[in-house]
Each structure stands twice: as C-alpha cells, then as structure tokens.
Amino acid sequence: MKNNEETYHIPVLLNECIDALDIRPDGRYVDVTFGGGGHSREIFKLLGEKGHLIGFDQDPDAKNNAWDAANFTFIAGNFAYLKNQLRMFGLLPVDGILADLGVSSHQFDSGERGFSIRMDDELDMRMNQSGKLTARYVVNEYDEENLYRVLREYGEVQSLKRTVEAIVRARQIEPIITTGQLKEVIQPIAQKGKEHKFLAQVFQAIRIEVNDEINVLKKMLEQAVEVLKPGGRLVVISYHSLEDRLVKNFMKRGSFDGKIEKDFYGNIVKPLEEVNRKPILPSDEEMERNSRSRSAKLRIAVKLDTGVK
C-alpha cells in the first residue's frame, strides 16, 4: 500500500477513531471519506482475511491512494449513495462506518480547486470535478436572495448585507472568476483583526452550497442506520457547528432538528445510542502538529437493536 498521508491528508484523531470503531478482525467497515487513505490504512491493518474494508470518495484524485487487496473495495462515488453502492457490491450489512467530514489537505492545497483563502485560484470548490455547480456560478449568477441564504445559513457570516451588496456591485463591473478577486471584494468588510475568520466563513458557505454538503450528510446518516448491524458503530468527525449539530441531534435524538419522537408507550424512538456524551477533541499536541484538526469534533454512536434491518 502506498503511504501518501503526509502529502495528501494527515488523518485527524486517528487513534481515537480506530478505538471508536471497536474493530473486529472479521468485521466489515466503511470509510466514507477515503481521501488519502490515512484512516483506512489503520483500519485495514486490524482486519484479517475474513474482514473487509470499503472506501468511498467522489474526488477522482483519491483513487490514486487505493490499493489492491481481496478484502478491500474502493468505490468512486458520493457517500449520499452509501446504501445503494454497498448493495450493488454485495457488501451489506456493515459493522462500522467512519466519516471524516470537510475538505482534505490535498483539496485545500490543489491550486486549481479554489478551496483555500491562501491562494489565488479559479473559483471552483467542487469536490467532485464532474459536478455542474461551481463557486464561480454561485458568486456571479445567484440572485441577492440566494446569496443571503447561502452566507447566512452555511457561513453564519457577519455584516451579511454589506457582503452581498459588495459581491453584487463588483460582479456588475466584471465577473468574479478567482478566489483572489473574491477576497479583494469582500475583505474590506471584515472586522479588523478578524479578516481570516471572515474570509473562511464566506468560503465555507459557498463550498457547502456547491457540494450540497448538508443534504448529503443527512442522507449518509440516515442510510448509515440502515446498513449498520445492530451493535455497529457510527464514527463522525465534524469541523463546523452546522455539521456537528446535525450529527449530535441525529445520534442523540434520531432527528436532525433535535425533536424527540416517542412511541405509544412514551418511549423515545431512536436508532442510535451515543457512546460519548460530549465530543472528543484533538489534543494540544495534535493541534500543534496539524492545524487543520483544531476545529475537529469526534462523535460516536452504536446502532440499537430495534428490529429495523
């Protein structure tokens, strides 16, 4: 197996994730965010010949990090189609699912992808390069109402009205086609000393819209319950409050809005039981070694035996 961990993506909370999955040598495990294969390699090391690992990734570059083995399957696709893909490959049910959400180091550092505020690249932000919606389209073609929605819901951006007005005013003069142009347009609006945070929130909001990340996450979580065996583990690392809130509510209450559903007898109806009441955070040492781990939150749940297959 090739080891591209240092050049592609440093796996966040690696040991904590492996412990959380409670891996059995003969178990079947899914890494729905394969990326550089950092987490997957560690899972694979603990599997015997009867065990099986499945790696999902929609980014074509990720396939270069896969390896050949009878008990490893790489699926080039979006984890929104988790259940159908596993069924198609005859790999149902599974004992554990790992999701390391967000953008990989490789995607941030790839000059042509437009994810990073540190570079001057084409406004793209597609995790799947075959996707039709781009950041350039969002910035230049969305009307004011939709720009408000994106920046408010997905970035919780301050000075929202001024930001949208600045974008609309600038694009009327000439199209905004690079990340550098976008930064130049909106940076004067940022509060002094908080420019980096402001830019990151705007870029995050656009990226989430381009990749439909919130709806995709919801689909994956719902399907995870369906494909896990009773007693199987769901392990999720999130990097911003929108993701973490969805994961927390779903694990704790079985719904995305946090509402509790009860049966006729007043018992709470939910498919999962939290293993850790509070999220596991990276150590000071890890945050120093890998700055992109600083906002990470790890949550773990086990599927209850409710009779639902």
C-alpha atoms as a PDB file:
ATOM      1  CA  MET A   1       0.000   0.000   0.000  1.00  0.00           C
ATOM      2  CA  LYS A   2       1.203   3.491  -0.816  1.00  0.00           C
ATOM      3  CA  ASN A   3       1.503   5.910   2.056  1.00  0.00           C
ATOM      4  CA  ASN A   4       0.544   9.397   0.918  1.00  0.00           C
ATOM      5  CA  GLU A   5      -0.570  10.549   4.356  1.00  0.00           C
ATOM      6  CA  GLU A   6       1.899  13.406   4.671  1.00  0.00           C
ATOM      7  CA  THR A   7       1.365  14.715   1.128  1.00  0.00           C
ATOM      8  CA  TYR A   8      -2.380  14.176   0.747  1.00  0.00           C
ATOM      9  CA  HIS A   9      -4.024  14.473   4.158  1.00  0.00           C
ATOM     10  CA  ILE A  10      -2.943  13.949   7.752  1.00  0.00           C
ATOM     11  CA  PRO A  11      -5.680  11.836   9.373  1.00  0.00           C
ATOM     12  CA  VAL A  12      -7.337  13.687  12.244  1.00  0.00           C
ATOM     13  CA  LEU A  13      -7.953  11.966  15.612  1.00  0.00           C
ATOM     14  CA  LEU A  14      -6.569   8.772  14.100  1.00  0.00           C
ATOM     15  CA  ASN A  15      -6.143   6.656  17.233  1.00  0.00           C
ATOM     16  CA  GLU A  16      -9.409   7.896  18.681  1.00  0.00           C
ATOM     17  CA  CYS A  17     -11.266   6.875  15.501  1.00  0.00           C
ATOM     18  CA  ILE A  18      -9.744   3.404  15.472  1.00  0.00           C
ATOM     19  CA  ASP A  19     -10.659   2.887  19.127  1.00  0.00           C
ATOM     20  CA  ALA A  20     -14.168   4.206  18.480  1.00  0.00           C
ATOM     21  CA  LEU A  21     -14.827   1.688  15.689  1.00  0.00           C
ATOM     22  CA  ASP A  22     -14.071  -1.215  18.059  1.00  0.00           C
ATOM     23  CA  ILE A  23     -12.721  -3.204  15.110  1.00  0.00           C
ATOM     24  CA  ARG A  24     -13.144  -6.965  14.825  1.00  0.00           C
ATOM     25  CA  PRO A  25     -10.715  -8.842  12.522  1.00  0.00           C
ATOM     26  CA  ASP A  26     -13.630 -10.462  10.653  1.00  0.00           C
ATOM     27  CA  GLY A  27     -15.756  -7.315  10.526  1.00  0.00           C
ATOM     28  CA  ARG A  28     -16.850  -5.190   7.588  1.00  0.00           C
ATOM     29  CA  TYR A  29     -16.031  -1.475   7.789  1.00  0.00           C
ATOM     30  CA  VAL A  30     -16.661   1.580   5.630  1.00  0.00           C
ATOM     31  CA  ASP A  31     -14.579   4.737   5.389  1.00  0.00           C
ATOM     32  CA  VAL A  32     -16.962   7.051   3.529  1.00  0.00           C
ATOM     33  CA  THR A  33     -14.298   9.776   3.238  1.00  0.00           C
ATOM     34  CA  PHE A  34     -11.307   7.777   1.985  1.00  0.00           C
ATOM     35  CA  GLY A  35      -9.174  10.728   0.820  1.00  0.00           C
ATOM     36  CA  GLY A  36      -5.503   9.921   1.308  1.00  0.00           C
ATOM     37  CA  GLY A  37      -6.372   6.615   2.948  1.00  0.00           C
ATOM     38  CA  GLY A  38      -4.856   7.538   6.317  1.00  0.00           C
ATOM     39  CA  HIS A  39      -7.724   6.272   8.464  1.00  0.00           C
ATOM     40  CA  SER A  40      -8.386   3.387   6.082  1.00  0.00           C
ATOM     41  CA  ARG A  41      -4.845   2.030   6.279  1.00  0.00           C
ATOM     42  CA  GLU A  42      -5.075   1.796  10.062  1.00  0.00           C
ATOM     43  CA  ILE A  43      -8.440   0.041   9.882  1.00  0.00           C
ATOM     44  CA  PHE A  44      -7.113  -2.373   7.261  1.00  0.00           C
ATOM     45  CA  LYS A  45      -4.136  -3.322   9.441  1.00  0.00           C
ATOM     46  CA  LEU A  46      -6.526  -4.679  12.060  1.00  0.00           C
ATOM     47  CA  LEU A  47      -8.544  -6.832   9.659  1.00  0.00           C
ATOM     48  CA  GLY A  48      -7.986 -10.496   8.964  1.00  0.00           C
ATOM     49  CA  GLU A  49      -8.647 -12.311   5.690  1.00  0.00           C
ATOM     50  CA  LYS A  50     -12.347 -12.577   6.539  1.00  0.00           C
ATOM     51  CA  GLY A  51     -12.631  -8.867   7.280  1.00  0.00           C
ATOM     52  CA  HIS A  52     -13.411  -6.300   4.599  1.00  0.00           C
ATOM     53  CA  LEU A  53     -12.807  -2.574   4.174  1.00  0.00           C
ATOM     54  CA  ILE A  54     -14.760  -0.337   1.804  1.00  0.00           C
ATOM     55  CA  GLY A  55     -13.506   3.149   0.920  1.00  0.00           C
ATOM     56  CA  PHE A  56     -15.768   5.817  -0.601  1.00  0.00           C
ATOM     57  CA  ASP A  57     -14.605   9.019  -2.261  1.00  0.00           C
ATOM     58  CA  GLN A  58     -16.076  11.192  -5.017  1.00  0.00           C
ATOM     59  CA  ASP A  59     -12.774  13.006  -5.656  1.00  0.00           C
ATOM     60  CA  PRO A  60     -11.033  11.299  -8.619  1.00  0.00           C
ATOM     61  CA  ASP A  61      -7.628  12.063  -7.079  1.00  0.00           C
ATOM     62  CA  ALA A  62      -8.425   9.868  -4.070  1.00  0.00           C
ATOM     63  CA  LYS A  63      -8.467   6.713  -6.189  1.00  0.00           C
ATOM     64  CA  ASN A  64      -4.693   7.065  -6.614  1.00  0.00           C
ATOM     65  CA  ASN A  65      -4.317   6.285  -2.910  1.00  0.00           C
ATOM     66  CA  ALA A  66      -6.226   2.995  -3.078  1.00  0.00           C
ATOM     67  CA  TRP A  67      -4.515  -0.393  -3.093  1.00  0.00           C
ATOM     68  CA  ASP A  68      -5.222  -3.872  -4.443  1.00  0.00           C
ATOM     69  CA  ALA A  69      -6.415  -6.479  -1.968  1.00  0.00           C
ATOM     70  CA  ALA A  70      -9.125  -9.126  -1.997  1.00  0.00           C
ATOM     71  CA  ASN A  71     -10.663  -7.681   1.142  1.00  0.00           C
ATOM     72  CA  PHE A  72     -10.562  -4.009   0.109  1.00  0.00           C
ATOM     73  CA  THR A  73     -13.038  -2.273  -2.188  1.00  0.00           C
ATOM     74  CA  PHE A  74     -12.745   1.307  -3.398  1.00  0.00           C
ATOM     75  CA  ILE A  75     -15.990   2.937  -4.538  1.00  0.00           C
ATOM     76  CA  ALA A  76     -15.615   6.112  -6.588  1.00  0.00           C
ATOM     77  CA  GLY A  77     -18.777   7.874  -5.558  1.00  0.00           C
ATOM     78  CA  ASN A  78     -20.578  10.219  -3.208  1.00  0.00           C
ATOM     79  CA  PHE A  79     -21.466   8.783   0.185  1.00  0.00           C
ATOM     80  CA  ALA A  80     -25.008  10.083  -0.327  1.00  0.00           C
ATOM     81  CA  TYR A  81     -25.482   6.782  -2.211  1.00  0.00           C
ATOM     82  CA  LEU A  82     -23.994   4.643   0.556  1.00  0.00           C
ATOM     83  CA  LYS A  83     -26.758   2.050   0.775  1.00  0.00           C
ATOM     84  CA  ASN A  84     -27.220   1.504  -2.963  1.00  0.00           C
ATOM     85  CA  GLN A  85     -23.484   1.208  -3.598  1.00  0.00           C
ATOM     86  CA  LEU A  86     -22.961  -1.298  -0.787  1.00  0.00           C
ATOM     87  CA  ARG A  87     -25.931  -3.318  -2.007  1.00  0.00           C
ATOM     88  CA  MET A  88     -24.601  -3.289  -5.570  1.00  0.00           C
ATOM     89  CA  PHE A  89     -21.226  -4.644  -4.400  1.00  0.00           C
ATOM     90  CA  GLY A  90     -22.886  -7.214  -2.132  1.00  0.00           C
ATOM     91  CA  LEU A  91     -21.340  -5.697   0.988  1.00  0.00           C
ATOM     92  CA  LEU A  92     -24.328  -5.367   3.320  1.00  0.00           C
ATOM     93  CA  PRO A  93     -24.604  -5.114   6.301  1.00  0.00           C
ATOM     94  CA  VAL A  94     -21.523  -3.498   7.915  1.00  0.00           C
ATOM     95  CA  ASP A  95     -20.018  -3.351  11.395  1.00  0.00           C
ATOM     96  CA  GLY A  96     -18.733   0.199  11.380  1.00  0.00           C
ATOM     97  CA  ILE A  97     -18.764   3.452   9.427  1.00  0.00           C
ATOM     98  CA  LEU A  98     -16.244   6.278   9.653  1.00  0.00           C
ATOM     99  CA  ALA A  99     -16.861   9.766   8.235  1.00  0.00           C
ATOM    100  CA  ASP A 100     -14.179  12.464   8.386  1.00  0.00           C
ATOM    101  CA  LEU A 101     -16.153  15.406   7.045  1.00  0.00           C
ATOM    102  CA  GLY A 102     -14.853  18.576   5.459  1.00  0.00           C
ATOM    103  CA  VAL A 103     -12.117  19.259   2.950  1.00  0.00           C
ATOM    104  CA  SER A 104      -8.861  17.301   2.770  1.00  0.00           C
ATOM    105  CA  SER A 105      -5.457  18.941   2.912  1.00  0.00           C
ATOM    106  CA  HIS A 106      -4.961  17.859  -0.696  1.00  0.00           C
ATOM    107  CA  GLN A 107      -8.095  19.662  -1.832  1.00  0.00           C
ATOM    108  CA  PHE A 108      -7.105  22.816   0.045  1.00  0.00           C
ATOM    109  CA  ASP A 109      -3.615  22.745  -1.433  1.00  0.00           C
ATOM    110  CA  SER A 110      -4.541  21.878  -5.030  1.00  0.00           C
ATOM    111  CA  GLY A 111      -4.137  25.153  -6.888  1.00  0.00           C
ATOM    112  CA  GLU A 112      -6.915  24.587  -9.391  1.00  0.00           C
ATOM    113  CA  ARG A 113      -9.635  23.703  -6.867  1.00  0.00           C
ATOM    114  CA  GLY A 114     -10.295  27.120  -5.317  1.00  0.00           C
ATOM    115  CA  PHE A 115     -10.932  25.919  -1.762  1.00  0.00           C
ATOM    116  CA  SER A 116      -8.255  27.918   0.032  1.00  0.00           C
ATOM    117  CA  ILE A 117      -8.251  31.581   1.008  1.00  0.00           C
ATOM    118  CA  ARG A 118      -4.436  31.452   0.913  1.00  0.00           C
ATOM    119  CA  MET A 119      -4.204  31.158  -2.873  1.00  0.00           C
ATOM    120  CA  ASP A 120      -5.429  32.939  -5.973  1.00  0.00           C
ATOM    121  CA  ASP A 121      -7.185  30.189  -7.896  1.00  0.00           C
ATOM    122  CA  GLU A 122     -10.187  29.730 -10.124  1.00  0.00           C
ATOM    123  CA  LEU A 123     -13.462  29.849  -8.193  1.00  0.00           C
ATOM    124  CA  ASP A 124     -14.384  26.168  -8.378  1.00  0.00           C
ATOM    125  CA  MET A 125     -14.753  24.398  -4.978  1.00  0.00           C
ATOM    126  CA  ARG A 126     -16.200  21.187  -6.426  1.00  0.00           C
ATOM    127  CA  MET A 127     -15.196  18.083  -4.502  1.00  0.00           C
ATOM    128  CA  ASN A 128     -16.409  16.066  -7.458  1.00  0.00           C
ATOM    129  CA  GLN A 129     -14.974  17.604 -10.613  1.00  0.00           C
ATOM    130  CA  SER A 130     -17.855  16.225 -12.692  1.00  0.00           C
ATOM    131  CA  GLY A 131     -20.357  18.269 -10.687  1.00  0.00           C
ATOM    132  CA  LYS A 132     -22.106  21.065 -12.572  1.00  0.00           C
ATOM    133  CA  LEU A 133     -22.415  23.753  -9.887  1.00  0.00           C
ATOM    134  CA  THR A 134     -19.259  25.795  -9.226  1.00  0.00           C
ATOM    135  CA  ALA A 135     -18.339  28.583  -6.832  1.00  0.00           C
ATOM    136  CA  ARG A 136     -17.985  30.877  -9.823  1.00  0.00           C
ATOM    137  CA  TYR A 137     -21.616  30.297 -10.738  1.00  0.00           C
ATOM    138  CA  VAL A 138     -22.819  30.861  -7.165  1.00  0.00           C
ATOM    139  CA  VAL A 139     -20.892  34.115  -6.818  1.00  0.00           C
ATOM    140  CA  ASN A 140     -21.806  35.529 -10.226  1.00  0.00           C
ATOM    141  CA  GLU A 141     -25.240  34.124 -11.031  1.00  0.00           C
ATOM    142  CA  TYR A 142     -27.118  33.685  -7.755  1.00  0.00           C
ATOM    143  CA  ASP A 143     -29.576  36.496  -7.073  1.00  0.00           C
ATOM    144  CA  GLU A 144     -29.285  38.549  -3.885  1.00  0.00           C
ATOM    145  CA  GLU A 145     -31.856  36.467  -2.003  1.00  0.00           C
ATOM    146  CA  ASN A 146     -29.975  33.226  -2.645  1.00  0.00           C
ATOM    147  CA  LEU A 147     -26.620  34.790  -1.783  1.00  0.00           C
ATOM    148  CA  TYR A 148     -28.138  35.934   1.532  1.00  0.00           C
ATOM    149  CA  ARG A 149     -29.414  32.406   2.157  1.00  0.00           C
ATOM    150  CA  VAL A 150     -26.069  30.732   1.426  1.00  0.00           C
ATOM    151  CA  LEU A 151     -23.939  33.100   3.502  1.00  0.00           C
ATOM    152  CA  ARG A 152     -26.408  33.212   6.382  1.00  0.00           C
ATOM    153  CA  GLU A 153     -27.219  29.501   6.664  1.00  0.00           C
ATOM    154  CA  TYR A 154     -23.870  27.956   5.802  1.00  0.00           C
ATOM    155  CA  GLY A 155     -21.346  30.548   6.956  1.00  0.00           C
ATOM    156  CA  GLU A 156     -23.154  32.468   9.690  1.00  0.00           C
ATOM    157  CA  VAL A 157     -21.398  35.457   8.124  1.00  0.00           C
ATOM    158  CA  GLN A 158     -21.369  38.782   9.945  1.00  0.00           C
ATOM    159  CA  SER A 159     -22.060  42.023   8.019  1.00  0.00           C
ATOM    160  CA  LEU A 160     -24.235  39.927   5.730  1.00  0.00           C
ATOM    161  CA  LYS A 161     -25.991  42.767   3.904  1.00  0.00           C
ATOM    162  CA  ARG A 162     -22.746  44.604   3.145  1.00  0.00           C
ATOM    163  CA  THR A 163     -21.078  41.408   1.950  1.00  0.00           C
ATOM    164  CA  VAL A 164     -23.840  40.547  -0.502  1.00  0.00           C
ATOM    165  CA  GLU A 165     -24.036  44.127  -1.753  1.00  0.00           C
ATOM    166  CA  ALA A 166     -20.269  44.198  -2.332  1.00  0.00           C
ATOM    167  CA  ILE A 167     -20.378  40.979  -4.370  1.00  0.00           C
ATOM    168  CA  VAL A 168     -23.327  42.135  -6.473  1.00  0.00           C
ATOM    169  CA  ARG A 169     -21.769  45.546  -7.084  1.00  0.00           C
ATOM    170  CA  ALA A 170     -18.408  44.066  -8.106  1.00  0.00           C
ATOM    171  CA  ARG A 171     -19.817  41.436 -10.473  1.00  0.00           C
ATOM    172  CA  GLN A 172     -21.804  44.102 -12.335  1.00  0.00           C
ATOM    173  CA  ILE A 173     -18.486  45.660 -13.325  1.00  0.00           C
ATOM    174  CA  GLU A 174     -16.748  42.387 -14.236  1.00  0.00           C
ATOM    175  CA  PRO A 175     -17.198  38.678 -13.429  1.00  0.00           C
ATOM    176  CA  ILE A 176     -15.547  37.426 -10.234  1.00  0.00           C
ATOM    177  CA  ILE A 177     -13.639  34.414 -11.511  1.00  0.00           C
ATOM    178  CA  THR A 178     -10.838  33.809  -8.982  1.00  0.00           C
ATOM    179  CA  THR A 179     -10.548  33.432  -5.233  1.00  0.00           C
ATOM    180  CA  GLY A 180      -8.206  36.408  -5.237  1.00  0.00           C
ATOM    181  CA  GLN A 181     -10.854  38.618  -6.817  1.00  0.00           C
ATOM    182  CA  LEU A 182     -13.465  37.475  -4.314  1.00  0.00           C
ATOM    183  CA  LYS A 183     -11.134  38.190  -1.393  1.00  0.00           C
ATOM    184  CA  GLU A 184     -10.389  41.643  -2.759  1.00  0.00           C
ATOM    185  CA  VAL A 185     -14.108  42.403  -2.998  1.00  0.00           C
ATOM    186  CA  ILE A 186     -15.132  41.282   0.492  1.00  0.00           C
ATOM    187  CA  GLN A 187     -12.034  41.688   2.681  1.00  0.00           C
ATOM    188  CA  PRO A 188     -12.621  45.436   3.346  1.00  0.00           C
ATOM    189  CA  ILE A 189     -15.893  44.459   5.066  1.00  0.00           C
ATOM    190  CA  ALA A 190     -14.166  42.215   7.626  1.00  0.00           C
ATOM    191  CA  GLN A 191     -13.696  43.409  11.192  1.00  0.00           C
ATOM    192  CA  LYS A 192     -10.117  44.432  11.807  1.00  0.00           C
ATOM    193  CA  GLY A 193      -8.097  41.560  13.200  1.00  0.00           C
ATOM    194  CA  LYS A 194     -10.737  39.007  12.160  1.00  0.00           C
ATOM    195  CA  GLU A 195     -10.166  39.046   8.410  1.00  0.00           C
ATOM    196  CA  HIS A 196      -9.093  35.390   8.247  1.00  0.00           C
ATOM    197  CA  LYS A 197     -12.169  34.153  10.103  1.00  0.00           C
ATOM    198  CA  PHE A 198     -14.495  36.270   7.968  1.00  0.00           C
ATOM    199  CA  LEU A 199     -12.995  35.053   4.686  1.00  0.00           C
ATOM    200  CA  ALA A 200     -13.061  31.448   5.901  1.00  0.00           C
ATOM    201  CA  GLN A 201     -16.767  31.734   6.755  1.00  0.00           C
ATOM    202  CA  VAL A 202     -17.630  33.125   3.324  1.00  0.00           C
ATOM    203  CA  PHE A 203     -15.592  30.461   1.529  1.00  0.00           C
ATOM    204  CA  GLN A 204     -17.090  27.735   3.715  1.00  0.00           C
ATOM    205  CA  ALA A 205     -20.630  28.860   2.918  1.00  0.00           C
ATOM    206  CA  ILE A 206     -20.017  28.842  -0.825  1.00  0.00           C
ATOM    207  CA  ARG A 207     -18.274  25.452  -0.684  1.00  0.00           C
ATOM    208  CA  ILE A 208     -21.163  23.894   1.253  1.00  0.00           C
ATOM    209  CA  GLU A 209     -23.635  25.209  -1.330  1.00  0.00           C
ATOM    210  CA  VAL A 210     -21.566  23.984  -4.278  1.00  0.00           C
ATOM    211  CA  ASN A 211     -21.304  20.465  -2.887  1.00  0.00           C
ATOM    212  CA  ASP A 212     -24.740  20.331  -1.217  1.00  0.00           C
ATOM    213  CA  GLU A 213     -22.879  19.166   1.876  1.00  0.00           C
ATOM    214  CA  ILE A 214     -25.679  19.474   4.417  1.00  0.00           C
ATOM    215  CA  ASN A 215     -28.209  17.416   2.439  1.00  0.00           C
ATOM    216  CA  VAL A 216     -25.535  14.867   1.536  1.00  0.00           C
ATOM    217  CA  LEU A 217     -24.606  14.492   5.218  1.00  0.00           C
ATOM    218  CA  LYS A 218     -28.239  13.953   6.183  1.00  0.00           C
ATOM    219  CA  LYS A 219     -28.638  11.257   3.536  1.00  0.00           C
ATOM    220  CA  MET A 220     -25.489   9.486   4.696  1.00  0.00           C
ATOM    221  CA  LEU A 221     -26.523   9.493   8.363  1.00  0.00           C
ATOM    222  CA  GLU A 222     -29.973   8.108   7.588  1.00  0.00           C
ATOM    223  CA  GLN A 223     -28.527   5.372   5.381  1.00  0.00           C
ATOM    224  CA  ALA A 224     -25.814   4.560   7.922  1.00  0.00           C
ATOM    225  CA  VAL A 225     -28.528   3.396  10.302  1.00  0.00           C
ATOM    226  CA  GLU A 226     -29.969   1.156   7.609  1.00  0.00           C
ATOM    227  CA  VAL A 227     -26.682  -0.508   6.630  1.00  0.00           C
ATOM    228  CA  LEU A 228     -25.195  -0.977  10.104  1.00  0.00           C
ATOM    229  CA  LYS A 229     -25.675  -4.216  12.007  1.00  0.00           C
ATOM    230  CA  PRO A 230     -27.192  -3.894  15.486  1.00  0.00           C
ATOM    231  CA  GLY A 231     -24.239  -3.057  17.708  1.00  0.00           C
ATOM    232  CA  GLY A 232     -22.381  -1.486  14.771  1.00  0.00           C
ATOM    233  CA  ARG A 233     -20.544   1.793  15.269  1.00  0.00           C
ATOM    234  CA  LEU A 234     -21.008   5.163  13.549  1.00  0.00           C
ATOM    235  CA  VAL A 235     -17.983   7.427  13.982  1.00  0.00           C
ATOM    236  CA  VAL A 236     -18.109  11.006  12.656  1.00  0.00           C
ATOM    237  CA  ILE A 237     -15.612  13.877  12.720  1.00  0.00           C
ATOM    238  CA  SER A 238     -17.130  17.283  12.001  1.00  0.00           C
ATOM    239  CA  TYR A 239     -15.415  20.641  11.585  1.00  0.00           C
ATOM    240  CA  HIS A 240     -18.085  23.297  11.946  1.00  0.00           C
ATOM    241  CA  SER A 241     -21.194  23.867  14.015  1.00  0.00           C
ATOM    242  CA  LEU A 242     -23.682  23.118  11.233  1.00  0.00           C
ATOM    243  CA  GLU A 243     -22.320  19.600  10.722  1.00  0.00           C
ATOM    244  CA  ASP A 244     -21.794  18.921  14.416  1.00  0.00           C
ATOM    245  CA  ARG A 245     -25.315  19.997  15.322  1.00  0.00           C
ATOM    246  CA  LEU A 246     -26.815  17.597  12.771  1.00  0.00           C
ATOM    247  CA  VAL A 247     -24.605  14.712  13.893  1.00  0.00           C
ATOM    248  CA  LYS A 248     -25.267  15.385  17.585  1.00  0.00           C
ATOM    249  CA  ASN A 249     -29.043  15.619  17.166  1.00  0.00           C
ATOM    250  CA  PHE A 250     -29.214  12.519  14.991  1.00  0.00           C
ATOM    251  CA  MET A 251     -27.142  10.424  17.375  1.00  0.00           C
ATOM    252  CA  LYS A 252     -28.870  11.710  20.481  1.00  0.00           C
ATOM    253  CA  ARG A 253     -32.486  12.036  19.379  1.00  0.00           C
ATOM    254  CA  GLY A 254     -32.779  10.367  15.983  1.00  0.00           C
ATOM    255  CA  SER A 255     -33.739  13.608  14.245  1.00  0.00           C
ATOM    256  CA  PHE A 256     -31.865  16.488  12.655  1.00  0.00           C
ATOM    257  CA  ASP A 257     -33.875  19.245  14.313  1.00  0.00           C
ATOM    258  CA  GLY A 258     -33.408  17.840  17.807  1.00  0.00           C
ATOM    259  CA  LYS A 259     -37.088  16.924  18.278  1.00  0.00           C
ATOM    260  CA  ILE A 260     -37.763  13.759  20.263  1.00  0.00           C
ATOM    261  CA  GLU A 261     -40.114  11.151  18.810  1.00  0.00           C
ATOM    262  CA  LYS A 262     -41.890   8.791  21.209  1.00  0.00           C
ATOM    263  CA  ASP A 263     -43.874   5.618  20.695  1.00  0.00           C
ATOM    264  CA  PHE A 264     -47.344   4.836  22.059  1.00  0.00           C
ATOM    265  CA  TYR A 265     -45.879   3.958  25.463  1.00  0.00           C
ATOM    266  CA  GLY A 266     -43.839   7.141  25.757  1.00  0.00           C
ATOM    267  CA  ASN A 267     -40.503   5.521  24.955  1.00  0.00           C
ATOM    268  CA  ILE A 268     -38.058   7.610  22.925  1.00  0.00           C
ATOM    269  CA  VAL A 269     -37.768   6.244  19.377  1.00  0.00           C
ATOM    270  CA  LYS A 270     -34.231   6.496  18.057  1.00  0.00           C
ATOM    271  CA  PRO A 271     -31.943   4.132  16.150  1.00  0.00           C
ATOM    272  CA  LEU A 272     -28.645   5.054  17.826  1.00  0.00           C
ATOM    273  CA  GLU A 273     -27.177   5.390  21.300  1.00  0.00           C
ATOM    274  CA  GLU A 274     -24.391   7.864  21.957  1.00  0.00           C
ATOM    275  CA  VAL A 275     -21.137   6.330  23.167  1.00  0.00           C
ATOM    276  CA  ASN A 276     -19.652   9.678  24.180  1.00  0.00           C
ATOM    277  CA  ARG A 277     -21.996  12.345  25.551  1.00  0.00           C
ATOM    278  CA  LYS A 278     -19.517  15.077  24.717  1.00  0.00           C
ATOM    279  CA  PRO A 279     -17.396  15.203  21.561  1.00  0.00           C
ATOM    280  CA  ILE A 280     -13.799  14.009  21.654  1.00  0.00           C
ATOM    281  CA  LEU A 281     -11.412  16.829  20.774  1.00  0.00           C
ATOM    282  CA  PRO A 282      -7.834  16.677  19.472  1.00  0.00           C
ATOM    283  CA  SER A 283      -5.002  17.005  21.967  1.00  0.00           C
ATOM    284  CA  ASP A 284      -2.836  20.116  22.171  1.00  0.00           C
ATOM    285  CA  GLU A 285      -0.042  18.073  20.630  1.00  0.00           C
ATOM    286  CA  GLU A 286      -2.161  17.076  17.631  1.00  0.00           C
ATOM    287  CA  MET A 287      -3.404  20.623  17.088  1.00  0.00           C
ATOM    288  CA  GLU A 288       0.175  21.840  17.080  1.00  0.00           C
ATOM    289  CA  ARG A 289       1.220  19.133  14.620  1.00  0.00           C
ATOM    290  CA  ASN A 290      -1.833  19.528  12.388  1.00  0.00           C
ATOM    291  CA  SER A 291      -3.525  22.943  12.490  1.00  0.00           C
ATOM    292  CA  ARG A 292      -6.487  21.654  10.487  1.00  0.00           C
ATOM    293  CA  SER A 293      -7.509  19.453  13.415  1.00  0.00           C
ATOM    294  CA  ARG A 294      -8.254  22.437  15.669  1.00  0.00           C
ATOM    295  CA  SER A 295     -11.970  22.602  14.965  1.00  0.00           C
ATOM    296  CA  ALA A 296     -12.497  18.816  14.848  1.00  0.00           C
ATOM    297  CA  LYS A 297     -15.153  17.136  16.982  1.00  0.00           C
ATOM    298  CA  LEU A 298     -15.498  13.364  17.113  1.00  0.00           C
ATOM    299  CA  ARG A 299     -18.829  11.763  17.976  1.00  0.00           C
ATOM    300  CA  ILE A 300     -19.539   8.055  18.324  1.00  0.00           C
ATOM    301  CA  ALA A 301     -22.808   6.107  18.369  1.00  0.00           C
ATOM    302  CA  VAL A 302     -23.821   2.464  18.353  1.00  0.00           C
ATOM    303  CA  LYS A 303     -26.839   1.110  16.494  1.00  0.00           C
ATOM    304  CA  LEU A 304     -29.544  -0.167  18.806  1.00  0.00           C
ATOM    305  CA  ASP A 305     -31.258  -3.482  18.142  1.00  0.00           C
ATOM    306  CA  THR A 306     -34.701  -2.123  17.317  1.00  0.00           C
ATOM    307  CA  GLY A 307     -35.621  -4.859  14.881  1.00  0.00           C
ATOM    308  CA  VAL A 308     -35.132  -2.458  11.937  1.00  0.00           C
ATOM    309  CA  LYS A 309     -32.946  -4.067   9.283  1.00  0.00           C
END
